[in-house]
Amino acid sequence: MAEKTRYSDAELEEFRAIIMNKLELAQRDYDLLKASLTGADGNDTDDTSPTYKVLEEGANTLSKEETTRLAQRQLKFIQGLQAALVRIENKTYGICRETGKLIPKERLRAVPHATLSIEAKNNGKK
């Protein structure tokens, strides 16, 4: 029997459902991070005494930097998931961009936006 070159439409639909679920959660997390950065969550020091405000300014700066980094990572994850949906539409989803072979389902379930098989990923690290 010839080696499978792409996932079936039914398999692609299964992956689409996984990706849509992860995308919804990721978008929710990203929105929370953005709200935190813009102060829309109401968690600031405007209503506390000036002493506490001075002490918290340094912590707020560090916290904002970390929140910004988290938001950037989350946005990159969302973009990866959206790109995976495009590959599903093109019926190229799950094909390793290095080897051209199918990425195992187990890997795609764990990392649905993966474009490399473990083999190709490990070869790139050497």
C-alpha atoms as a PDB file:
ATOM      1  CA  MET A   1       0.000   0.000   0.000  1.00  0.00           C
ATOM      2  CA  ALA A   2       1.328   3.431  -0.910  1.00  0.00           C
ATOM      3  CA  GLU A   3       2.326   5.797   1.876  1.00  0.00           C
ATOM      4  CA  LYS A   4      -0.374   8.322   2.717  1.00  0.00           C
ATOM      5  CA  THR A   5       0.511  11.772   1.341  1.00  0.00           C
ATOM      6  CA  ARG A   6      -2.190  13.827   3.068  1.00  0.00           C
ATOM      7  CA  TYR A   7      -4.849  13.560   5.730  1.00  0.00           C
ATOM      8  CA  SER A   8      -8.406  12.731   4.666  1.00  0.00           C
ATOM      9  CA  ASP A   9     -11.129  15.367   4.711  1.00  0.00           C
ATOM     10  CA  ALA A  10     -12.607  13.725   7.831  1.00  0.00           C
ATOM     11  CA  GLU A  11      -9.227  13.859   9.574  1.00  0.00           C
ATOM     12  CA  LEU A  12      -8.787  17.488   8.540  1.00  0.00           C
ATOM     13  CA  GLU A  13     -12.186  18.292  10.052  1.00  0.00           C
ATOM     14  CA  GLU A  14     -11.096  16.663  13.315  1.00  0.00           C
ATOM     15  CA  PHE A  15      -7.994  18.875  13.352  1.00  0.00           C
ATOM     16  CA  ARG A  16     -10.073  21.942  12.438  1.00  0.00           C
ATOM     17  CA  ALA A  17     -12.244  21.352  15.531  1.00  0.00           C
ATOM     18  CA  ILE A  18      -9.146  21.048  17.747  1.00  0.00           C
ATOM     19  CA  ILE A  19      -7.653  24.226  16.269  1.00  0.00           C
ATOM     20  CA  MET A  20     -10.898  26.214  16.543  1.00  0.00           C
ATOM     21  CA  ASN A  21     -11.168  25.272  20.230  1.00  0.00           C
ATOM     22  CA  LYS A  22      -7.547  26.266  20.917  1.00  0.00           C
ATOM     23  CA  LEU A  23      -8.001  29.459  18.897  1.00  0.00           C
ATOM     24  CA  GLU A  24     -11.031  30.487  20.956  1.00  0.00           C
ATOM     25  CA  LEU A  25      -9.146  29.934  24.227  1.00  0.00           C
ATOM     26  CA  ALA A  26      -6.033  31.677  22.927  1.00  0.00           C
ATOM     27  CA  GLN A  27      -8.035  34.695  21.775  1.00  0.00           C
ATOM     28  CA  ARG A  28      -9.725  34.929  25.182  1.00  0.00           C
ATOM     29  CA  ASP A  29      -6.322  34.846  26.925  1.00  0.00           C
ATOM     30  CA  TYR A  30      -4.945  37.460  24.527  1.00  0.00           C
ATOM     31  CA  ASP A  31      -7.922  39.756  25.165  1.00  0.00           C
ATOM     32  CA  LEU A  32      -7.368  39.446  28.931  1.00  0.00           C
ATOM     33  CA  LEU A  33      -3.684  40.326  28.533  1.00  0.00           C
ATOM     34  CA  LYS A  34      -4.534  43.330  26.355  1.00  0.00           C
ATOM     35  CA  ALA A  35      -7.105  44.532  28.885  1.00  0.00           C
ATOM     36  CA  SER A  36      -4.512  44.203  31.616  1.00  0.00           C
ATOM     37  CA  LEU A  37      -2.042  46.304  29.630  1.00  0.00           C
ATOM     38  CA  THR A  38      -4.514  49.074  28.884  1.00  0.00           C
ATOM     39  CA  GLY A  39      -5.778  49.195  32.454  1.00  0.00           C
ATOM     40  CA  ALA A  40      -9.245  48.168  31.354  1.00  0.00           C
ATOM     41  CA  ASP A  41      -9.340  45.523  34.057  1.00  0.00           C
ATOM     42  CA  GLY A  42      -9.540  48.186  36.775  1.00  0.00           C
ATOM     43  CA  ASN A  43      -6.618  46.747  38.730  1.00  0.00           C
ATOM     44  CA  ASP A  44      -4.513  49.864  39.294  1.00  0.00           C
ATOM     45  CA  THR A  45      -3.280  52.005  42.180  1.00  0.00           C
ATOM     46  CA  ASP A  46      -5.318  55.158  41.535  1.00  0.00           C
ATOM     47  CA  ASP A  47      -7.393  54.675  44.652  1.00  0.00           C
ATOM     48  CA  THR A  48      -4.531  53.857  47.052  1.00  0.00           C
ATOM     49  CA  SER A  49      -2.374  56.176  49.090  1.00  0.00           C
ATOM     50  CA  PRO A  50       0.689  57.843  47.454  1.00  0.00           C
ATOM     51  CA  THR A  51       3.115  55.683  49.484  1.00  0.00           C
ATOM     52  CA  TYR A  52       1.837  52.464  47.994  1.00  0.00           C
ATOM     53  CA  LYS A  53       1.729  54.023  44.543  1.00  0.00           C
ATOM     54  CA  VAL A  54       5.482  54.781  44.625  1.00  0.00           C
ATOM     55  CA  LEU A  55       6.302  51.271  45.806  1.00  0.00           C
ATOM     56  CA  GLU A  56       4.183  49.673  43.119  1.00  0.00           C
ATOM     57  CA  GLU A  57       5.464  51.701  40.160  1.00  0.00           C
ATOM     58  CA  GLY A  58       8.592  49.536  39.792  1.00  0.00           C
ATOM     59  CA  ALA A  59       6.581  46.349  40.093  1.00  0.00           C
ATOM     60  CA  ASN A  60       4.057  47.669  37.581  1.00  0.00           C
ATOM     61  CA  THR A  61       6.797  48.359  35.037  1.00  0.00           C
ATOM     62  CA  LEU A  62       8.140  44.812  35.357  1.00  0.00           C
ATOM     63  CA  SER A  63       4.632  43.401  35.292  1.00  0.00           C
ATOM     64  CA  LYS A  64       3.757  45.360  32.135  1.00  0.00           C
ATOM     65  CA  GLU A  65       6.923  44.154  30.395  1.00  0.00           C
ATOM     66  CA  GLU A  66       6.118  40.547  31.264  1.00  0.00           C
ATOM     67  CA  THR A  67       2.475  40.971  30.244  1.00  0.00           C
ATOM     68  CA  THR A  68       3.610  42.503  26.941  1.00  0.00           C
ATOM     69  CA  ARG A  69       5.881  39.512  26.303  1.00  0.00           C
ATOM     70  CA  LEU A  70       3.056  37.111  27.128  1.00  0.00           C
ATOM     71  CA  ALA A  71       0.681  38.994  24.837  1.00  0.00           C
ATOM     72  CA  GLN A  72       3.226  38.867  21.992  1.00  0.00           C
ATOM     73  CA  ARG A  73       3.683  35.114  22.462  1.00  0.00           C
ATOM     74  CA  GLN A  74      -0.072  34.616  22.550  1.00  0.00           C
ATOM     75  CA  LEU A  75      -0.511  36.639  19.351  1.00  0.00           C
ATOM     76  CA  LYS A  76       2.177  34.536  17.627  1.00  0.00           C
ATOM     77  CA  PHE A  77       0.352  31.374  18.767  1.00  0.00           C
ATOM     78  CA  ILE A  78      -2.947  32.716  17.400  1.00  0.00           C
ATOM     79  CA  GLN A  79      -1.279  33.522  14.065  1.00  0.00           C
ATOM     80  CA  GLY A  80       0.160  29.985  13.948  1.00  0.00           C
ATOM     81  CA  LEU A  81      -3.281  28.506  14.537  1.00  0.00           C
ATOM     82  CA  GLN A  82      -4.809  30.740  11.854  1.00  0.00           C
ATOM     83  CA  ALA A  83      -2.101  29.651   9.405  1.00  0.00           C
ATOM     84  CA  ALA A  84      -2.923  26.026  10.257  1.00  0.00           C
ATOM     85  CA  LEU A  85      -6.566  26.675   9.312  1.00  0.00           C
ATOM     86  CA  VAL A  86      -5.390  27.989   5.931  1.00  0.00           C
ATOM     87  CA  ARG A  87      -3.346  24.797   5.441  1.00  0.00           C
ATOM     88  CA  ILE A  88      -6.483  22.768   6.233  1.00  0.00           C
ATOM     89  CA  GLU A  89      -8.381  24.711   3.544  1.00  0.00           C
ATOM     90  CA  ASN A  90      -5.521  24.041   1.097  1.00  0.00           C
ATOM     91  CA  LYS A  91      -5.412  20.379   2.180  1.00  0.00           C
ATOM     92  CA  THR A  92      -1.713  20.732   2.998  1.00  0.00           C
ATOM     93  CA  TYR A  93      -2.202  20.535   6.760  1.00  0.00           C
ATOM     94  CA  GLY A  94      -0.022  18.035   8.594  1.00  0.00           C
ATOM     95  CA  ILE A  95       2.622  17.766   5.896  1.00  0.00           C
ATOM     96  CA  CYS A  96       6.155  18.440   7.168  1.00  0.00           C
ATOM     97  CA  ARG A  97       7.644  21.417   5.330  1.00  0.00           C
ATOM     98  CA  GLU A  98      11.121  19.813   5.448  1.00  0.00           C
ATOM     99  CA  THR A  99      10.524  16.142   4.683  1.00  0.00           C
ATOM    100  CA  GLY A 100       7.188  16.294   2.846  1.00  0.00           C
ATOM    101  CA  LYS A 101       5.947  13.392   4.976  1.00  0.00           C
ATOM    102  CA  LEU A 102       2.883  13.415   7.183  1.00  0.00           C
ATOM    103  CA  ILE A 103       3.399  14.688  10.714  1.00  0.00           C
ATOM    104  CA  PRO A 104       2.034  12.062  13.136  1.00  0.00           C
ATOM    105  CA  LYS A 105      -1.474  12.728  14.453  1.00  0.00           C
ATOM    106  CA  GLU A 106      -0.236  12.584  18.053  1.00  0.00           C
ATOM    107  CA  ARG A 107       2.102  15.524  17.411  1.00  0.00           C
ATOM    108  CA  LEU A 108      -0.604  17.528  15.650  1.00  0.00           C
ATOM    109  CA  ARG A 109      -3.052  16.944  18.487  1.00  0.00           C
ATOM    110  CA  ALA A 110      -0.456  18.251  20.950  1.00  0.00           C
ATOM    111  CA  VAL A 111       0.874  21.070  18.722  1.00  0.00           C
ATOM    112  CA  PRO A 112      -1.826  21.710  16.108  1.00  0.00           C
ATOM    113  CA  HIS A 113       0.097  24.515  14.417  1.00  0.00           C
ATOM    114  CA  ALA A 114       3.225  22.352  13.874  1.00  0.00           C
ATOM    115  CA  THR A 115       4.797  22.498  10.419  1.00  0.00           C
ATOM    116  CA  LEU A 116       7.732  20.200  11.157  1.00  0.00           C
ATOM    117  CA  SER A 117       7.872  16.560  12.143  1.00  0.00           C
ATOM    118  CA  ILE A 118       9.920  15.734  15.243  1.00  0.00           C
ATOM    119  CA  GLU A 119      12.556  14.232  12.933  1.00  0.00           C
ATOM    120  CA  ALA A 120      12.904  17.462  10.928  1.00  0.00           C
ATOM    121  CA  LYS A 121      12.787  19.612  14.052  1.00  0.00           C
ATOM    122  CA  ASN A 122      15.589  17.622  15.673  1.00  0.00           C
ATOM    123  CA  ASN A 123      17.686  17.716  12.480  1.00  0.00           C
ATOM    124  CA  GLY A 124      17.414  21.516  12.460  1.00  0.00           C
ATOM    125  CA  LYS A 125      18.857  21.761  15.984  1.00  0.00           C
ATOM    126  CA  LYS A 126      22.146  20.051  15.106  1.00  0.00           C
END
